[in-house]
Protein backbone atom coordinates (compact mmCIF):
# COMPACT_ATOMS: atom_id res chain seq x y z
CA MET A 1 16.60 -8.17 -18.25
CA LYS A 2 15.46 -11.59 -16.54
CA HIS A 3 13.11 -10.98 -13.49
CA THR A 4 12.37 -14.04 -10.71
CA THR A 5 8.98 -14.07 -11.41
CA ASP A 6 6.52 -13.27 -14.19
CA ILE A 7 3.71 -11.92 -11.78
CA GLY A 8 4.41 -10.67 -8.44
CA VAL A 9 2.00 -8.94 -5.76
CA VAL A 10 2.28 -6.08 -3.62
CA HIS A 11 -0.27 -5.13 -1.38
CA GLY A 12 -0.97 -2.13 2.01
CA ARG A 13 -3.40 0.53 2.36
CA PHE A 14 -1.63 3.32 1.02
CA GLN A 15 -2.80 5.45 3.34
CA PRO A 16 -1.05 7.73 1.21
CA PRO A 17 1.83 5.86 -0.71
CA HIS A 18 4.96 7.41 1.05
CA ASN A 19 8.43 6.64 -0.10
CA GLY A 20 8.87 3.51 1.64
CA HIS A 21 5.87 2.15 -0.36
CA ILE A 22 7.33 3.67 -3.84
CA ARG A 23 10.08 1.17 -2.69
CA TYR A 24 8.71 -1.54 -1.48
CA ILE A 25 6.79 -1.96 -5.25
CA LEU A 26 9.78 -0.73 -7.07
CA ALA A 27 11.85 -3.77 -5.40
CA ALA A 28 8.96 -6.01 -7.01
CA LEU A 29 9.78 -4.34 -9.76
CA GLU A 30 13.05 -5.92 -9.81
CA LYS A 31 12.02 -9.42 -8.88
CA ALA A 32 9.03 -9.54 -11.31
CA ASP A 33 8.01 -9.02 -14.77
CA ARG A 34 4.46 -7.66 -14.41
CA VAL A 35 3.13 -6.16 -10.78
CA ILE A 36 -0.46 -6.52 -9.46
CA ILE A 37 -0.85 -3.36 -6.63
CA GLY A 38 -2.89 -4.76 -3.87
CA ILE A 39 -5.35 -1.73 -2.73
CA CYS A 40 -5.65 -2.92 1.00
CA THR A 41 -9.42 -1.63 2.47
CA PRO A 42 -10.61 -0.18 -0.82
CA ALA A 43 -13.86 0.69 1.47
CA ILE A 44 -14.75 2.61 4.57
CA CYS A 45 -16.22 1.14 7.21
CA THR A 46 -18.17 2.05 10.44
CA LYS A 47 -16.42 2.44 13.91
CA GLU A 48 -18.50 -0.45 14.88
CA GLU A 49 -17.31 -3.28 11.48
CA ALA A 50 -14.08 -2.11 12.38
CA ALA A 51 -14.65 -3.15 15.72
CA ARG A 52 -15.82 -6.34 15.30
CA THR A 53 -13.41 -7.55 12.33
CA GLY A 54 -9.90 -6.10 13.65
CA TYR A 55 -9.88 -4.32 9.94
CA PRO A 56 -8.40 -0.57 10.01
CA CYS A 57 -11.20 0.32 7.74
CA THR A 58 -12.85 3.10 8.88
CA ARG A 59 -12.57 6.67 7.63
CA ALA A 60 -9.82 7.97 10.08
CA LEU A 61 -7.10 5.74 8.99
CA ASN A 62 -8.48 5.30 5.09
CA PRO A 63 -9.42 8.78 4.62
CA PHE A 64 -7.98 8.45 0.99
CA THR A 65 -10.34 6.24 -1.38
CA TYR A 66 -9.26 3.78 -3.57
CA SER A 67 -8.87 5.68 -6.73
CA GLU A 68 -7.39 8.30 -5.47
CA ARG A 69 -4.09 5.93 -4.14
CA VAL A 70 -3.96 4.55 -7.31
CA ALA A 71 -3.64 8.25 -9.64
CA MET A 72 -0.84 8.57 -6.59
CA ILE A 73 0.62 5.44 -6.65
CA THR A 74 0.27 5.72 -10.44
CA LEU A 75 2.25 9.17 -10.28
CA ALA A 76 5.41 7.93 -8.25
CA LEU A 77 5.68 5.27 -10.99
CA TRP A 78 5.65 7.56 -13.95
CA GLU A 79 8.02 9.86 -11.80
CA ALA A 80 9.89 6.48 -11.36
CA ASP A 81 10.18 6.14 -14.74
CA VAL A 82 8.40 2.57 -14.66
CA ALA A 83 6.25 1.76 -17.70
CA PRO A 84 2.21 1.42 -16.58
CA GLU A 85 1.68 -1.78 -18.83
CA ARG A 86 4.74 -3.58 -15.53
CA TYR A 87 2.26 -3.04 -13.01
CA GLU A 88 -1.92 -2.92 -12.26
CA PHE A 89 -3.82 -2.08 -9.17
CA VAL A 90 -6.85 -5.00 -7.65
CA ALA A 91 -8.84 -4.12 -4.77
CA PHE A 92 -7.48 -6.45 -2.32
CA PRO A 93 -9.59 -7.87 0.29
CA SER A 94 -7.97 -7.14 3.41
CA ASP A 95 -9.31 -10.53 4.95
CA TYR A 96 -7.41 -12.53 2.21
CA LYS A 97 -10.87 -13.96 1.18
CA ASN A 98 -11.20 -14.81 -1.97
CA ILE A 99 -8.00 -13.57 -3.77
CA GLU A 100 -7.48 -16.67 -5.61
CA ALA A 101 -10.66 -14.68 -7.69
CA ILE A 102 -7.79 -12.19 -7.92
CA ILE A 103 -4.81 -13.32 -7.57
CA PRO A 104 -3.28 -16.34 -10.11
CA LYS A 105 -1.78 -19.07 -8.54
CA GLY A 106 1.31 -18.96 -10.15
CA ALA A 107 1.80 -15.42 -8.32
CA VAL A 108 4.80 -14.29 -6.19
CA PHE A 109 3.36 -12.21 -3.07
CA LEU A 110 6.53 -10.41 -2.43
CA MET A 111 6.45 -9.08 0.98
CA SER A 112 7.46 -6.05 2.74
CA VAL A 113 7.88 -6.80 6.26
CA THR A 114 7.75 -4.01 9.17
CA GLY A 115 5.94 -5.85 11.58
CA GLY A 116 4.32 -9.47 13.90
CA SER A 117 1.26 -9.75 11.90
CA ASP A 118 3.29 -9.65 8.07
CA SER A 119 4.58 -12.91 9.52
CA GLU A 120 0.73 -14.31 9.88
CA LYS A 121 -0.49 -12.96 6.87
CA ILE A 122 2.86 -14.89 5.24
CA GLU A 123 1.92 -17.96 6.72
CA HIS A 124 -1.51 -17.53 5.33
CA LEU A 125 -0.61 -16.75 1.67
CA GLN A 126 1.54 -19.72 1.85
CA THR A 127 -1.28 -22.39 3.38
CA LEU A 128 -3.55 -20.64 0.66
CA GLY A 129 -0.69 -21.64 -1.77
CA TYR A 130 0.73 -19.02 -2.73
CA ALA A 131 4.93 -18.29 -2.92
CA VAL A 132 6.10 -15.43 -0.70
CA GLU A 133 9.04 -13.66 -0.60
CA THR A 134 10.32 -11.04 1.35
CA VAL A 135 11.80 -8.11 -0.80
CA PHE A 136 13.09 -6.47 2.30
CA SER A 137 12.00 -6.24 6.00
CA ILE A 138 12.26 -3.34 8.33
CA LEU A 139 12.08 -3.18 11.86
CA PRO A 140 9.23 -1.05 12.85
CA GLU A 141 10.85 1.48 15.18
CA LEU A 142 13.03 1.99 12.01
CA ASP A 143 10.39 2.41 10.39
CA ARG A 144 9.78 6.43 9.99
CA GLU A 145 8.03 6.63 6.69
CA ARG A 146 4.77 5.80 8.36
CA SER A 147 1.57 6.31 7.31
CA GLY A 148 0.15 7.72 9.93
CA HIS A 149 2.53 9.82 10.69
CA ILE A 150 1.85 11.78 7.73
CA ARG A 151 -1.69 11.83 8.72
CA GLU A 152 -0.84 12.96 11.69
CA SER A 153 1.64 15.76 10.24
CA GLY A 154 -0.79 16.70 8.03
CA ARG A 155 -4.13 17.39 9.76
CA ALA A 156 -1.52 18.63 12.49
CA GLY A 157 -0.94 21.01 9.31
CA ASP A 158 3.00 21.70 10.11
CA GLY A 159 4.95 20.74 6.89
CA SER A 160 6.80 17.50 7.79
CA TRP A 161 5.16 15.10 6.42
CA GLU A 162 6.04 16.45 2.56
CA HIS A 163 9.50 14.61 2.91
CA MET A 164 8.16 11.38 3.24
CA VAL A 165 5.90 10.71 0.22
CA PRO A 166 7.32 11.34 -3.26
CA LYS A 167 6.71 14.93 -4.73
CA CYS A 168 4.24 14.52 -7.11
CA VAL A 169 2.17 12.49 -4.53
CA ALA A 170 2.63 15.89 -2.03
CA GLY A 171 1.50 17.86 -4.48
CA TYR A 172 -1.18 15.80 -5.71
CA MET A 173 -2.60 16.07 -1.98
CA LYS A 174 -2.21 19.71 -1.68
CA GLU A 175 -3.81 19.74 -5.33
CA HIS A 176 -6.87 17.88 -4.09
CA GLY A 177 -7.66 19.58 -1.10
CA MET A 178 -6.49 16.29 1.32
CA LEU A 179 -5.48 18.05 3.65
CA ASP A 180 -8.12 19.59 4.22
CA ARG A 181 -9.72 16.75 4.32
CA LEU A 182 -7.45 15.47 6.99
CA SER A 183 -8.38 18.15 9.58
CA MET A 184 -11.99 17.16 9.55
CA LEU A 185 -11.05 13.04 10.63
CA GLU A 186 -11.21 12.72 14.62
């Protein structure tokens, strides 16, 4: 199958990766020979730094490490039968600074648009000289598979989060005590 671009780029916090995230990555893989998966907010920051920068980088919003998110996405893509040579991971700067150092200029950003801030991101990427294509859009009020909902449900211990993530991600989260970590967050 001939794809429309050699290298596509998707990015998100994936805290945790849910079914919508995996659909997004799979849609990008339909367009690109290879996809770079940018893990946004790879490091945790203090409340003061979050307030200063405006980035959602506190432990409460980012309970899972970069490595855990890579592992969960890798499991989900393996479960979806995606060959590992079709994707790679990079730590993606939330402020988009110096992305030219990690994302080749010929790459196409394949976006999932779920809100107003996505329009600003698209404009910024185009200003930097990147091509941008929307792979799908969803109205925020219809987006039921949000990582925040999953974290809240996991924190509450009600189990209603499990259908929102791939089975392998739910298993990974349980096996690695990630639900206990959620319950300890503010």
